[in-house]
């Protein structure tokens, strides 16, 4: 699966047992949100993903519910001012 969107940080899944504060997630162009996780990466803290906050990306991987497990990610533009 391929998704395109902007990397954001915030509270995710408010009120559920999966609620995460400060989660890094991808908001797709159709407003769907996925918590990002790199294949083989730490599911709770990944500095490489966190460094992409504010950038528009294209990612290839697999969606598992609200998590997107990606194999490849490409930055499409610079961070927003």
C-alpha atoms as a PDB file:
ATOM      1  CA  UNK A   1       0.000   0.000   0.000  1.00  0.00           C
ATOM      2  CA  UNK A   2       1.233   3.535  -0.711  1.00  0.00           C
ATOM      3  CA  UNK A   3       0.137   6.572   1.299  1.00  0.00           C
ATOM      4  CA  UNK A   4       0.943  10.270   0.925  1.00  0.00           C
ATOM      5  CA  UNK A   5       0.522  12.837   3.664  1.00  0.00           C
ATOM      6  CA  UNK A   6       2.114  15.027   6.310  1.00  0.00           C
ATOM      7  CA  UNK A   7       3.861  13.809   9.461  1.00  0.00           C
ATOM      8  CA  UNK A   8       2.291  15.298  12.595  1.00  0.00           C
ATOM      9  CA  UNK A   9       2.561  14.844  16.356  1.00  0.00           C
ATOM     10  CA  UNK A  10      -0.262  14.819  18.871  1.00  0.00           C
ATOM     11  CA  UNK A  11      -2.651  12.742  20.919  1.00  0.00           C
ATOM     12  CA  UNK A  12      -3.904   9.701  19.054  1.00  0.00           C
ATOM     13  CA  UNK A  13      -6.928   7.465  19.729  1.00  0.00           C
ATOM     14  CA  UNK A  14      -8.276   9.635  22.571  1.00  0.00           C
ATOM     15  CA  UNK A  15     -10.360   7.690  25.084  1.00  0.00           C
ATOM     16  CA  UNK A  16      -9.335   4.248  23.863  1.00  0.00           C
ATOM     17  CA  UNK A  17      -6.947   1.791  25.481  1.00  0.00           C
ATOM     18  CA  UNK A  18      -4.617   2.616  22.577  1.00  0.00           C
ATOM     19  CA  UNK A  19      -4.484   6.335  23.442  1.00  0.00           C
ATOM     20  CA  UNK A  20      -1.026   7.787  22.895  1.00  0.00           C
ATOM     21  CA  UNK A  21       0.206  11.232  23.917  1.00  0.00           C
ATOM     22  CA  UNK A  22       2.791  12.785  21.636  1.00  0.00           C
ATOM     23  CA  UNK A  23       2.356  10.131  18.965  1.00  0.00           C
ATOM     24  CA  UNK A  24       3.988  10.733  15.597  1.00  0.00           C
ATOM     25  CA  UNK A  25       1.484   9.956  12.881  1.00  0.00           C
ATOM     26  CA  UNK A  26       0.822  10.417   9.200  1.00  0.00           C
ATOM     27  CA  UNK A  27      -2.273  12.406   8.207  1.00  0.00           C
ATOM     28  CA  UNK A  28      -3.063  11.330   4.658  1.00  0.00           C
ATOM     29  CA  UNK A  29      -4.398  13.630   1.984  1.00  0.00           C
ATOM     30  CA  UNK A  30      -7.901  12.183   2.582  1.00  0.00           C
ATOM     31  CA  UNK A  31      -7.562  12.979   6.356  1.00  0.00           C
ATOM     32  CA  UNK A  32      -6.985   9.407   7.527  1.00  0.00           C
ATOM     33  CA  UNK A  33      -4.432   9.117  10.349  1.00  0.00           C
ATOM     34  CA  UNK A  34      -1.917   6.332  10.904  1.00  0.00           C
ATOM     35  CA  UNK A  35       0.632   5.987  13.706  1.00  0.00           C
ATOM     36  CA  UNK A  36       3.883   5.428  11.839  1.00  0.00           C
ATOM     37  CA  UNK A  37       6.162   2.534  12.584  1.00  0.00           C
ATOM     38  CA  UNK A  38       9.240   1.589  10.636  1.00  0.00           C
ATOM     39  CA  UNK A  39       9.753  -2.133   9.905  1.00  0.00           C
ATOM     40  CA  UNK A  40      12.083  -3.320  12.658  1.00  0.00           C
ATOM     41  CA  UNK A  41      11.879   0.042  14.453  1.00  0.00           C
ATOM     42  CA  UNK A  42      10.907   0.848  18.032  1.00  0.00           C
ATOM     43  CA  UNK A  43       7.092   1.150  18.177  1.00  0.00           C
ATOM     44  CA  UNK A  44       7.151   3.879  20.858  1.00  0.00           C
ATOM     45  CA  UNK A  45      10.173   6.053  20.082  1.00  0.00           C
ATOM     46  CA  UNK A  46      11.886   6.337  16.712  1.00  0.00           C
ATOM     47  CA  UNK A  47      14.079   9.455  16.311  1.00  0.00           C
ATOM     48  CA  UNK A  48      14.258   9.019  12.532  1.00  0.00           C
ATOM     49  CA  UNK A  49      10.473   9.234  12.186  1.00  0.00           C
ATOM     50  CA  UNK A  50      10.238  12.064  14.743  1.00  0.00           C
ATOM     51  CA  UNK A  51      12.756  14.088  12.683  1.00  0.00           C
ATOM     52  CA  UNK A  52      10.262  14.088   9.786  1.00  0.00           C
ATOM     53  CA  UNK A  53       7.585  16.008  11.721  1.00  0.00           C
ATOM     54  CA  UNK A  54       5.985  18.668   9.513  1.00  0.00           C
ATOM     55  CA  UNK A  55       7.189  17.150   6.269  1.00  0.00           C
ATOM     56  CA  UNK A  56       5.092  15.772   3.430  1.00  0.00           C
ATOM     57  CA  UNK A  57       6.035  12.167   2.628  1.00  0.00           C
ATOM     58  CA  UNK A  58       5.140   9.153   0.530  1.00  0.00           C
ATOM     59  CA  UNK A  59       5.392   5.829   2.363  1.00  0.00           C
ATOM     60  CA  UNK A  60       5.120   2.250   1.161  1.00  0.00           C
ATOM     61  CA  UNK A  61       4.050  -0.426   3.606  1.00  0.00           C
ATOM     62  CA  UNK A  62       1.142  -2.188   5.257  1.00  0.00           C
ATOM     63  CA  UNK A  63      -1.765  -0.747   7.256  1.00  0.00           C
ATOM     64  CA  UNK A  64      -2.753  -2.631  10.431  1.00  0.00           C
ATOM     65  CA  UNK A  65      -5.751  -0.809  11.858  1.00  0.00           C
ATOM     66  CA  UNK A  66      -4.470   2.626  12.873  1.00  0.00           C
ATOM     67  CA  UNK A  67      -0.790   1.714  12.441  1.00  0.00           C
ATOM     68  CA  UNK A  68       1.140   2.006   9.204  1.00  0.00           C
ATOM     69  CA  UNK A  69       4.190  -0.262   9.131  1.00  0.00           C
ATOM     70  CA  UNK A  70       6.405   1.108   6.389  1.00  0.00           C
ATOM     71  CA  UNK A  71       9.365  -0.309   4.479  1.00  0.00           C
ATOM     72  CA  UNK A  72      10.233   2.848   2.540  1.00  0.00           C
ATOM     73  CA  UNK A  73       9.551   6.547   3.027  1.00  0.00           C
ATOM     74  CA  UNK A  74      10.348   9.453   0.716  1.00  0.00           C
ATOM     75  CA  UNK A  75      10.272  13.135   1.697  1.00  0.00           C
ATOM     76  CA  UNK A  76       8.310  15.137  -0.886  1.00  0.00           C
ATOM     77  CA  UNK A  77       8.890  18.662   0.476  1.00  0.00           C
ATOM     78  CA  UNK A  78      10.510  20.665   3.269  1.00  0.00           C
ATOM     79  CA  UNK A  79       9.081  21.203   6.728  1.00  0.00           C
ATOM     80  CA  UNK A  80       6.365  23.821   7.039  1.00  0.00           C
ATOM     81  CA  UNK A  81       7.514  27.182   8.446  1.00  0.00           C
END
